[in-house]
């Protein structure tokens, strides 16, 4: 039975959405094509009708994930008071974000694995890093573009690294301390309330 172009596009979108979530939860190697397709409600055999390889899907899933979370962060920053690094850091460095990697930032979820992936996956990951830096750059105060850019790169590294470490430790108090310390040291933020 042949599916319409619209249904094929919807199926592909569902696969990418599921992959974006599952890769962030389990890692690139933590889920196979068969299980991924099953989670999307489709058969394993249909995978190659949509993608040339798992690498292609991994790259598209990274792009999708940063697009979805980027929209969320931009909406947060589009408050009546203007861009707020404090609001962004508060959400990013939260226990909720720490505890739900499947719904969160692809950078923190997959940074450690991205270095060992194919050029298309690394390219998608690199574009994701650039988009996040640009988002933070727009939230930082200051008129000097070069200085603001440097602070945005440092803030991105601190936020992503802080979230990775907060997820990695098995001590909740230390995890919260990491999140709070990174938030407090970011430019344009105030210390979170204990």
N, C-alpha and C. Protein backbone atom coordinates (compact mmCIF):
# COMPACT_ATOMS: atom_id res chain seq x y z
N UNK A 1 0.84 -1.19 0.00
CA UNK A 1 0.00 0.00 0.00
C UNK A 1 0.88 1.25 0.00
N UNK A 2 0.65 2.12 -0.91
CA UNK A 2 1.43 3.34 -1.06
C UNK A 2 0.83 4.45 -0.19
N UNK A 3 1.72 5.23 0.45
CA UNK A 3 1.24 6.34 1.27
C UNK A 3 1.37 7.64 0.48
N UNK A 4 0.55 8.60 0.82
CA UNK A 4 0.59 9.90 0.14
C UNK A 4 1.87 10.64 0.52
N UNK A 5 2.20 11.66 -0.26
CA UNK A 5 3.37 12.48 0.05
C UNK A 5 3.21 13.16 1.41
N UNK A 6 1.99 13.56 1.70
CA UNK A 6 1.73 14.22 2.99
C UNK A 6 1.95 13.25 4.14
N UNK A 7 1.46 12.01 3.98
CA UNK A 7 1.64 11.01 5.03
C UNK A 7 3.11 10.63 5.18
N UNK A 8 3.81 10.53 4.06
CA UNK A 8 5.25 10.22 4.11
C UNK A 8 6.00 11.33 4.85
N UNK A 9 5.64 12.58 4.57
CA UNK A 9 6.28 13.71 5.26
C UNK A 9 5.97 13.69 6.75
N UNK A 10 4.73 13.38 7.09
CA UNK A 10 4.34 13.29 8.51
C UNK A 10 5.08 12.15 9.20
N UNK A 11 5.23 11.03 8.52
CA UNK A 11 5.97 9.89 9.09
C UNK A 11 7.43 10.26 9.33
N UNK A 12 8.03 10.92 8.35
CA UNK A 12 9.43 11.33 8.48
C UNK A 12 9.59 12.29 9.66
N UNK A 13 8.68 13.24 9.77
CA UNK A 13 8.74 14.18 10.88
C UNK A 13 8.61 13.46 12.22
N UNK A 14 7.72 12.48 12.30
CA UNK A 14 7.55 11.72 13.53
C UNK A 14 8.82 10.94 13.88
N UNK A 15 9.49 10.39 12.87
CA UNK A 15 10.74 9.67 13.11
C UNK A 15 11.80 10.62 13.66
N UNK A 16 11.94 11.79 13.04
CA UNK A 16 12.94 12.77 13.48
C UNK A 16 12.64 13.24 14.90
N UNK A 17 11.38 13.51 15.21
CA UNK A 17 11.01 13.94 16.56
C UNK A 17 11.34 12.87 17.60
N UNK A 18 10.99 11.63 17.30
CA UNK A 18 11.30 10.53 18.23
C UNK A 18 12.80 10.36 18.38
N UNK A 19 13.52 10.43 17.25
CA UNK A 19 14.97 10.28 17.30
C UNK A 19 15.60 11.38 18.14
N UNK A 20 15.14 12.62 17.95
CA UNK A 20 15.69 13.74 18.72
C UNK A 20 15.53 13.50 20.22
N UNK A 21 14.36 13.04 20.61
CA UNK A 21 14.11 12.77 22.03
C UNK A 21 14.93 11.59 22.52
N UNK A 22 14.89 10.48 21.78
CA UNK A 22 15.55 9.26 22.23
C UNK A 22 17.07 9.37 22.21
N UNK A 23 17.63 10.04 21.23
CA UNK A 23 19.08 10.24 21.22
C UNK A 23 19.50 11.08 22.43
N UNK A 24 18.72 12.10 22.78
CA UNK A 24 19.07 12.91 23.95
C UNK A 24 18.93 12.11 25.24
N UNK A 25 17.97 11.19 25.29
CA UNK A 25 17.79 10.36 26.49
C UNK A 25 18.85 9.27 26.60
N UNK A 26 19.17 8.61 25.49
CA UNK A 26 19.99 7.39 25.54
C UNK A 26 21.34 7.50 24.83
N UNK A 27 21.54 8.55 24.09
CA UNK A 27 22.77 8.66 23.30
C UNK A 27 22.58 8.11 21.90
N UNK A 28 23.52 8.44 21.03
CA UNK A 28 23.41 8.00 19.64
C UNK A 28 23.43 6.48 19.51
N UNK A 29 24.26 5.84 20.31
CA UNK A 29 24.37 4.38 20.22
C UNK A 29 23.43 3.66 21.17
N UNK A 30 22.66 4.40 21.94
CA UNK A 30 21.77 3.80 22.93
C UNK A 30 20.45 3.32 22.38
N UNK A 31 20.22 3.54 21.11
CA UNK A 31 18.98 3.07 20.49
C UNK A 31 19.26 2.72 19.04
N UNK A 32 18.71 1.60 18.63
CA UNK A 32 18.88 1.14 17.25
C UNK A 32 17.74 1.59 16.37
N UNK A 33 17.91 1.38 15.09
CA UNK A 33 16.91 1.79 14.11
C UNK A 33 15.57 1.09 14.34
N UNK A 34 15.62 -0.21 14.63
CA UNK A 34 14.37 -0.96 14.81
C UNK A 34 13.55 -0.40 15.98
N UNK A 35 14.20 -0.17 17.12
CA UNK A 35 13.48 0.35 18.29
C UNK A 35 13.01 1.78 18.04
N UNK A 36 13.83 2.56 17.37
CA UNK A 36 13.45 3.92 17.05
C UNK A 36 12.20 3.96 16.17
N UNK A 37 12.19 3.13 15.15
CA UNK A 37 11.02 3.08 14.26
C UNK A 37 9.79 2.58 15.02
N UNK A 38 9.98 1.62 15.89
CA UNK A 38 8.87 1.12 16.70
C UNK A 38 8.30 2.24 17.58
N UNK A 39 9.18 3.03 18.18
CA UNK A 39 8.73 4.17 19.00
C UNK A 39 7.98 5.21 18.18
N UNK A 40 8.30 5.29 16.90
CA UNK A 40 7.60 6.22 16.01
C UNK A 40 6.32 5.61 15.47
N UNK A 41 6.06 4.36 15.82
CA UNK A 41 4.84 3.69 15.36
C UNK A 41 4.93 3.19 13.93
N UNK A 42 6.15 2.97 13.46
CA UNK A 42 6.38 2.53 12.09
C UNK A 42 7.22 1.26 12.07
N UNK A 43 7.27 0.62 10.92
CA UNK A 43 8.05 -0.62 10.80
C UNK A 43 9.51 -0.31 10.49
N UNK A 44 10.37 -1.21 10.92
CA UNK A 44 11.80 -1.08 10.70
C UNK A 44 12.13 -0.99 9.22
N UNK A 45 11.39 -1.73 8.41
CA UNK A 45 11.65 -1.77 6.98
C UNK A 45 11.46 -0.44 6.28
N UNK A 46 10.68 0.44 6.85
CA UNK A 46 10.43 1.74 6.23
C UNK A 46 11.51 2.78 6.46
N UNK A 47 12.46 2.47 7.30
CA UNK A 47 13.49 3.46 7.65
C UNK A 47 14.21 4.00 6.42
N UNK A 48 14.68 3.09 5.58
CA UNK A 48 15.51 3.51 4.44
C UNK A 48 14.71 4.15 3.32
N UNK A 49 13.40 4.17 3.44
CA UNK A 49 12.58 4.95 2.53
C UNK A 49 12.61 6.43 2.90
N UNK A 50 13.05 6.72 4.12
CA UNK A 50 13.12 8.09 4.62
C UNK A 50 14.54 8.62 4.74
N UNK A 51 15.49 7.75 5.06
CA UNK A 51 16.87 8.17 5.35
C UNK A 51 17.86 7.25 4.67
N UNK A 52 18.99 7.81 4.26
CA UNK A 52 20.05 7.01 3.66
C UNK A 52 20.78 6.19 4.72
N UNK A 53 20.85 6.73 5.93
CA UNK A 53 21.62 6.07 6.99
C UNK A 53 21.17 6.59 8.35
N UNK A 54 21.61 5.89 9.38
CA UNK A 54 21.34 6.37 10.74
C UNK A 54 22.07 7.69 10.97
N UNK A 55 23.24 7.86 10.36
CA UNK A 55 23.97 9.13 10.49
C UNK A 55 23.15 10.31 9.97
N UNK A 56 22.47 10.11 8.84
CA UNK A 56 21.63 11.18 8.32
C UNK A 56 20.53 11.52 9.32
N UNK A 57 19.92 10.51 9.91
CA UNK A 57 18.89 10.75 10.91
C UNK A 57 19.48 11.44 12.13
N UNK A 58 20.65 11.03 12.57
CA UNK A 58 21.28 11.66 13.73
C UNK A 58 21.51 13.15 13.48
N UNK A 59 21.99 13.50 12.28
CA UNK A 59 22.22 14.90 11.95
C UNK A 59 20.91 15.68 11.95
N UNK A 60 19.88 15.12 11.33
CA UNK A 60 18.58 15.80 11.29
C UNK A 60 17.96 15.91 12.68
N UNK A 61 18.17 14.90 13.50
CA UNK A 61 17.63 14.94 14.86
C UNK A 61 18.31 16.04 15.68
N UNK A 62 19.61 16.24 15.50
CA UNK A 62 20.31 17.33 16.19
C UNK A 62 19.76 18.68 15.76
N UNK A 63 19.59 18.86 14.45
CA UNK A 63 19.05 20.11 13.93
C UNK A 63 17.63 20.34 14.48
N UNK A 64 16.84 19.30 14.49
CA UNK A 64 15.47 19.41 14.99
C UNK A 64 15.47 19.79 16.47
N UNK A 65 16.29 19.11 17.25
CA UNK A 65 16.32 19.36 18.70
C UNK A 65 16.73 20.79 19.01
N UNK A 66 17.75 21.30 18.35
CA UNK A 66 18.17 22.67 18.64
C UNK A 66 17.13 23.65 18.14
N UNK A 67 16.43 23.32 17.07
CA UNK A 67 15.37 24.19 16.57
C UNK A 67 14.22 24.30 17.56
N UNK A 68 13.80 23.17 18.10
CA UNK A 68 12.69 23.16 19.06
C UNK A 68 13.07 23.87 20.35
N UNK A 69 14.24 23.53 20.90
CA UNK A 69 14.63 24.18 22.16
C UNK A 69 14.97 25.64 21.92
N UNK A 70 15.52 25.95 20.74
CA UNK A 70 15.81 27.35 20.42
C UNK A 70 14.55 28.20 20.41
N UNK A 71 13.47 27.66 19.84
CA UNK A 71 12.18 28.39 19.85
C UNK A 71 11.73 28.64 21.28
N UNK A 72 11.90 27.63 22.13
CA UNK A 72 11.51 27.76 23.53
C UNK A 72 12.33 28.85 24.22
N UNK A 73 13.65 28.85 23.97
CA UNK A 73 14.51 29.85 24.62
C UNK A 73 14.21 31.24 24.07
N UNK A 74 14.00 31.37 22.75
CA UNK A 74 13.67 32.68 22.17
C UNK A 74 12.36 33.23 22.72
N UNK A 75 11.39 32.36 22.90
CA UNK A 75 10.11 32.79 23.47
C UNK A 75 10.32 33.31 24.89
N UNK A 76 11.13 32.62 25.65
CA UNK A 76 11.44 33.05 27.01
C UNK A 76 12.13 34.41 27.00
N UNK A 77 13.01 34.60 26.05
CA UNK A 77 13.77 35.85 25.98
C UNK A 77 12.95 37.01 25.43
N UNK A 78 11.84 36.73 24.78
CA UNK A 78 11.02 37.77 24.17
C UNK A 78 10.02 38.36 25.16
N UNK A 79 10.44 38.59 26.36
CA UNK A 79 9.55 39.17 27.36
C UNK A 79 9.42 40.67 27.14
N UNK A 80 8.48 41.27 27.82
CA UNK A 80 8.27 42.71 27.70
C UNK A 80 9.48 43.52 28.18
N UNK A 81 10.25 42.93 29.06
CA UNK A 81 11.41 43.63 29.61
C UNK A 81 12.65 43.47 28.73
N UNK A 82 12.55 42.74 27.63
CA UNK A 82 13.69 42.51 26.76
C UNK A 82 14.40 41.22 27.14
N UNK A 83 15.43 40.87 26.37
CA UNK A 83 16.16 39.63 26.62
C UNK A 83 16.73 39.59 28.03
N UNK A 84 16.60 38.45 28.67
CA UNK A 84 17.09 38.30 30.03
C UNK A 84 17.95 37.05 30.15
N UNK A 85 19.22 37.27 30.36
CA UNK A 85 20.14 36.16 30.56
C UNK A 85 19.77 35.42 31.84
N UNK A 86 19.28 36.14 32.81
CA UNK A 86 18.88 35.54 34.08
C UNK A 86 17.76 34.51 33.87
N UNK A 87 16.77 34.86 33.07
CA UNK A 87 15.66 33.95 32.81
C UNK A 87 16.14 32.71 32.04
N UNK A 88 16.98 32.93 31.04
CA UNK A 88 17.50 31.81 30.26
C UNK A 88 18.34 30.89 31.14
N UNK A 89 19.24 31.45 31.92
CA UNK A 89 20.09 30.64 32.79
C UNK A 89 19.26 29.89 33.84
N UNK A 90 18.25 30.57 34.36
CA UNK A 90 17.39 29.92 35.36
C UNK A 90 16.70 28.68 34.81
N UNK A 91 16.24 28.75 33.59
CA UNK A 91 15.58 27.59 32.96
C UNK A 91 16.59 26.52 32.58
N UNK A 92 17.67 26.97 31.97
CA UNK A 92 18.67 26.02 31.48
C UNK A 92 19.31 25.25 32.63
N UNK A 93 19.66 25.96 33.69
CA UNK A 93 20.37 25.36 34.81
C UNK A 93 19.41 24.95 35.92
N UNK A 94 18.28 24.41 35.53
CA UNK A 94 17.27 24.00 36.50
C UNK A 94 17.32 22.48 36.74
N UNK A 95 16.75 22.07 37.84
CA UNK A 95 16.65 20.63 38.13
C UNK A 95 15.75 19.94 37.11
N UNK A 96 14.72 20.63 36.66
CA UNK A 96 13.83 20.03 35.66
C UNK A 96 14.59 19.72 34.37
N UNK A 97 15.39 20.67 33.91
CA UNK A 97 16.18 20.45 32.70
C UNK A 97 17.21 19.34 32.94
N UNK A 98 17.81 19.35 34.09
CA UNK A 98 18.78 18.31 34.44
C UNK A 98 18.13 16.93 34.39
N UNK A 99 16.92 16.81 34.90
CA UNK A 99 16.27 15.51 35.05
C UNK A 99 15.52 15.02 33.83
N UNK A 100 15.39 15.85 32.80
CA UNK A 100 14.64 15.46 31.59
C UNK A 100 15.45 15.73 30.33
N UNK A 101 16.54 15.00 30.13
CA UNK A 101 17.38 15.28 28.96
C UNK A 101 16.68 15.08 27.63
N UNK A 102 15.69 14.21 27.56
CA UNK A 102 14.99 13.97 26.31
C UNK A 102 14.22 15.17 25.80
N UNK A 103 13.89 16.09 26.71
CA UNK A 103 13.17 17.31 26.32
C UNK A 103 14.07 18.53 26.32
N UNK A 104 15.35 18.32 26.58
CA UNK A 104 16.24 19.46 26.79
C UNK A 104 17.24 19.70 25.68
N UNK A 105 18.31 20.32 26.06
CA UNK A 105 19.34 20.78 25.14
C UNK A 105 20.14 19.62 24.56
N UNK A 106 20.20 19.57 23.25
CA UNK A 106 20.95 18.54 22.55
C UNK A 106 22.45 18.67 22.84
N UNK A 107 22.92 19.88 23.10
CA UNK A 107 24.35 20.08 23.35
C UNK A 107 24.78 19.37 24.62
N UNK A 108 24.04 19.56 25.69
CA UNK A 108 24.39 18.92 26.96
C UNK A 108 24.18 17.41 26.90
N UNK A 109 23.18 16.98 26.14
CA UNK A 109 22.88 15.55 26.08
C UNK A 109 23.88 14.77 25.25
N UNK A 110 24.42 15.38 24.19
CA UNK A 110 25.21 14.60 23.23
C UNK A 110 26.62 15.13 22.95
N UNK A 111 27.07 16.14 23.68
CA UNK A 111 28.39 16.72 23.42
C UNK A 111 29.51 15.69 23.49
N UNK A 112 29.47 14.84 24.49
CA UNK A 112 30.53 13.85 24.64
C UNK A 112 30.59 12.85 23.51
N UNK A 113 29.47 12.59 22.89
CA UNK A 113 29.42 11.63 21.79
C UNK A 113 29.67 12.26 20.43
N UNK A 114 29.40 13.53 20.29
CA UNK A 114 29.47 14.19 18.99
C UNK A 114 30.87 14.14 18.39
N UNK A 115 31.89 14.17 19.23
CA UNK A 115 33.27 14.17 18.72
C UNK A 115 33.62 12.91 17.95
N UNK A 116 32.92 11.82 18.21
CA UNK A 116 33.23 10.54 17.56
C UNK A 116 32.27 10.20 16.43
N UNK A 117 31.52 11.18 15.96
CA UNK A 117 30.52 10.92 14.93
C UNK A 117 31.01 11.35 13.55
N UNK A 118 30.22 11.02 12.55
CA UNK A 118 30.55 11.32 11.16
C UNK A 118 30.52 12.83 10.90
N UNK A 119 31.16 13.27 9.81
CA UNK A 119 31.14 14.70 9.48
C UNK A 119 29.73 15.31 9.40
N UNK A 120 28.72 14.64 8.83
CA UNK A 120 27.39 15.27 8.81
C UNK A 120 26.82 15.50 10.23
N UNK A 121 27.05 14.55 11.12
CA UNK A 121 26.55 14.70 12.49
C UNK A 121 27.33 15.80 13.20
N UNK A 122 28.64 15.81 13.04
CA UNK A 122 29.44 16.87 13.67
C UNK A 122 29.09 18.24 13.10
N UNK A 123 28.80 18.29 11.81
CA UNK A 123 28.38 19.56 11.20
C UNK A 123 27.08 20.07 11.80
N UNK A 124 26.11 19.16 11.96
CA UNK A 124 24.83 19.54 12.57
C UNK A 124 25.04 19.99 14.00
N UNK A 125 25.91 19.30 14.71
CA UNK A 125 26.19 19.66 16.10
C UNK A 125 26.86 21.03 16.16
N UNK A 126 27.78 21.27 15.26
CA UNK A 126 28.47 22.58 15.21
C UNK A 126 27.48 23.70 14.94
N UNK A 127 26.57 23.49 14.01
CA UNK A 127 25.54 24.50 13.74
C UNK A 127 24.69 24.73 14.99
N UNK A 128 24.42 23.68 15.73
CA UNK A 128 23.64 23.81 16.97
C UNK A 128 24.39 24.65 17.99
N UNK A 129 25.68 24.43 18.12
CA UNK A 129 26.49 25.22 19.05
C UNK A 129 26.46 26.69 18.64
N UNK A 130 26.63 26.95 17.36
CA UNK A 130 26.61 28.34 16.88
C UNK A 130 25.27 29.01 17.16
N UNK A 131 24.18 28.29 16.94
CA UNK A 131 22.85 28.86 17.17
C UNK A 131 22.65 29.19 18.64
N UNK A 132 23.14 28.32 19.53
CA UNK A 132 23.00 28.58 20.96
C UNK A 132 23.85 29.78 21.38
N UNK A 133 25.07 29.86 20.87
CA UNK A 133 25.92 31.02 21.17
C UNK A 133 25.24 32.30 20.71
N UNK A 134 24.70 32.29 19.51
CA UNK A 134 24.01 33.49 18.99
C UNK A 134 22.82 33.88 19.87
N UNK A 135 22.09 32.88 20.34
CA UNK A 135 20.96 33.14 21.22
C UNK A 135 21.42 33.83 22.50
N UNK A 136 22.47 33.30 23.10
CA UNK A 136 22.99 33.89 24.33
C UNK A 136 23.56 35.28 24.06
N UNK A 137 24.25 35.43 22.95
CA UNK A 137 24.79 36.74 22.58
C UNK A 137 23.68 37.80 22.56
N UNK A 138 22.53 37.44 22.05
CA UNK A 138 21.41 38.37 22.00
C UNK A 138 20.81 38.67 23.36
N UNK A 139 21.09 37.84 24.34
CA UNK A 139 20.54 38.04 25.68
C UNK A 139 21.49 38.80 26.60
N UNK A 140 22.73 38.95 26.18
CA UNK A 140 23.71 39.61 27.03
C UNK A 140 23.69 41.13 26.84
N UNK A 141 23.93 41.85 27.93
CA UNK A 141 24.01 43.31 27.81
C UNK A 141 25.37 43.71 27.23
N UNK A 142 25.46 44.91 26.74
CA UNK A 142 26.74 45.44 26.26
C UNK A 142 26.67 45.85 24.81
N UNK A 143 27.45 46.86 24.49
CA UNK A 143 27.45 47.39 23.12
C UNK A 143 28.59 46.83 22.28
N UNK A 144 29.65 46.42 22.89
CA UNK A 144 30.82 45.94 22.14
C UNK A 144 30.58 44.51 21.69
N UNK A 145 30.38 44.34 20.40
CA UNK A 145 30.00 43.05 19.84
C UNK A 145 31.05 41.96 20.11
N UNK A 146 32.33 42.28 19.97
CA UNK A 146 33.37 41.27 20.15
C UNK A 146 33.42 40.78 21.60
N UNK A 147 33.29 41.70 22.54
CA UNK A 147 33.29 41.33 23.96
C UNK A 147 32.04 40.52 24.31
N UNK A 148 30.90 40.96 23.81
CA UNK A 148 29.65 40.23 24.06
C UNK A 148 29.73 38.83 23.47
N UNK A 149 30.29 38.70 22.29
CA UNK A 149 30.44 37.39 21.64
C UNK A 149 31.34 36.48 22.50
N UNK A 150 32.46 37.01 22.98
CA UNK A 150 33.35 36.20 23.82
C UNK A 150 32.62 35.74 25.08
N UNK A 151 31.85 36.63 25.68
CA UNK A 151 31.09 36.26 26.88
C UNK A 151 30.01 35.23 26.54
N UNK A 152 29.42 35.32 25.36
CA UNK A 152 28.40 34.35 24.95
C UNK A 152 29.02 32.97 24.75
N UNK A 153 30.21 32.91 24.17
CA UNK A 153 30.90 31.63 24.00
C UNK A 153 31.22 31.03 25.37
N UNK A 154 31.75 31.85 26.26
CA UNK A 154 32.09 31.37 27.61
C UNK A 154 30.84 30.94 28.37
N UNK A 155 29.76 31.70 28.25
CA UNK A 155 28.51 31.35 28.94
C UNK A 155 27.95 30.04 28.39
N UNK A 156 28.01 29.86 27.08
CA UNK A 156 27.54 28.60 26.48
C UNK A 156 28.34 27.43 27.04
N UNK A 157 29.65 27.56 27.05
CA UNK A 157 30.51 26.48 27.57
C UNK A 157 30.21 26.21 29.04
N UNK A 158 30.03 27.26 29.82
CA UNK A 158 29.75 27.09 31.25
C UNK A 158 28.39 26.43 31.47
N UNK A 159 27.37 26.88 30.74
CA UNK A 159 26.03 26.32 30.94
C UNK A 159 25.97 24.86 30.51
N UNK A 160 26.49 24.56 29.32
CA UNK A 160 26.46 23.19 28.83
C UNK A 160 27.31 22.30 29.73
N UNK A 161 28.51 22.74 30.04
CA UNK A 161 29.38 21.96 30.92
C UNK A 161 28.80 21.77 32.30
N UNK A 162 28.21 22.82 32.84
CA UNK A 162 27.58 22.72 34.16
C UNK A 162 26.44 21.72 34.18
N UNK A 163 25.62 21.74 33.13
CA UNK A 163 24.50 20.80 33.06
C UNK A 163 25.01 19.37 32.91
N UNK A 164 26.04 19.18 32.11
CA UNK A 164 26.63 17.84 31.94
C UNK A 164 27.13 17.31 33.29
N UNK A 165 27.87 18.14 34.02
CA UNK A 165 28.39 17.70 35.32
C UNK A 165 27.27 17.47 36.32
N UNK A 166 26.27 18.34 36.33
CA UNK A 166 25.14 18.18 37.26
C UNK A 166 24.40 16.88 37.00
N UNK A 167 24.33 16.46 35.74
CA UNK A 167 23.69 15.19 35.41
C UNK A 167 24.58 14.00 35.75
N UNK A 168 25.89 14.20 35.72
CA UNK A 168 26.82 13.09 35.88
C UNK A 168 27.02 12.64 37.33
N UNK A 169 26.93 13.57 38.27
CA UNK A 169 27.21 13.21 39.66
C UNK A 169 26.02 12.49 40.29
N UNK A 170 26.31 11.65 41.28
CA UNK A 170 25.24 10.91 41.96
C UNK A 170 24.85 11.53 43.30
N UNK A 171 25.26 12.74 43.53
CA UNK A 171 24.97 13.46 44.78
C UNK A 171 24.09 14.66 44.42
N UNK A 172 22.82 14.62 44.83
CA UNK A 172 21.88 15.68 44.45
C UNK A 172 22.31 17.04 44.98
N UNK A 173 22.87 17.09 46.18
CA UNK A 173 23.29 18.38 46.74
C UNK A 173 24.43 18.97 45.89
N UNK A 174 25.39 18.15 45.50
CA UNK A 174 26.48 18.62 44.65
C UNK A 174 25.95 19.03 43.28
N UNK A 175 25.02 18.27 42.75
CA UNK A 175 24.42 18.59 41.46
C UNK A 175 23.76 19.97 41.49
N UNK A 176 22.97 20.23 42.52
CA UNK A 176 22.32 21.53 42.66
C UNK A 176 23.35 22.64 42.87
N UNK A 177 24.41 22.33 43.62
CA UNK A 177 25.47 23.31 43.85
C UNK A 177 26.13 23.71 42.53
N UNK A 178 26.37 22.74 41.66
CA UNK A 178 26.96 23.01 40.35
C UNK A 178 26.05 23.93 39.55
N UNK A 179 24.76 23.58 39.47
CA UNK A 179 23.81 24.39 38.71
C UNK A 179 23.75 25.82 39.24
N UNK A 180 23.66 25.96 40.55
CA UNK A 180 23.55 27.28 41.17
C UNK A 180 24.83 28.10 40.98
N UNK A 181 25.99 27.46 41.12
CA UNK A 181 27.26 28.18 40.99
C UNK A 181 27.46 28.69 39.56
N UNK A 182 27.15 27.86 38.58
CA UNK A 182 27.29 28.31 37.19
C UNK A 182 26.33 29.47 36.93
N UNK A 183 25.09 29.34 37.38
CA UNK A 183 24.12 30.43 37.18
C UNK A 183 24.63 31.72 37.80
N UNK A 184 25.14 31.66 38.99
CA UNK A 184 25.59 32.86 39.70
C UNK A 184 26.77 33.54 39.02
N UNK A 185 27.59 32.77 38.32
CA UNK A 185 28.81 33.34 37.72
C UNK A 185 28.62 33.80 36.28
N UNK A 186 27.46 33.56 35.70
CA UNK A 186 27.24 33.97 34.31
C UNK A 186 27.05 35.47 34.22
N UNK A 187 27.53 36.09 33.13
CA UNK A 187 27.31 37.53 32.97
C UNK A 187 25.83 37.83 32.78
N UNK A 188 25.39 38.92 33.38
CA UNK A 188 24.00 39.34 33.22
C UNK A 188 23.01 38.57 34.07
N UNK A 189 23.51 37.86 35.10
CA UNK A 189 22.61 37.10 35.97
C UNK A 189 22.84 37.48 37.43
N UNK A 190 21.89 37.10 38.24
CA UNK A 190 22.04 37.25 39.68
C UNK A 190 22.03 35.85 40.27
N UNK A 191 22.56 35.73 41.46
CA UNK A 191 22.63 34.42 42.10
C UNK A 191 21.23 33.86 42.32
N UNK A 192 21.03 32.57 42.01
CA UNK A 192 19.72 31.97 42.26
C UNK A 192 19.44 31.88 43.75
N UNK A 193 18.18 31.89 44.08
CA UNK A 193 17.80 31.78 45.50
C UNK A 193 17.92 30.32 45.92
N UNK A 194 18.49 30.07 47.13
CA UNK A 194 18.66 28.69 47.60
C UNK A 194 17.34 28.02 47.88
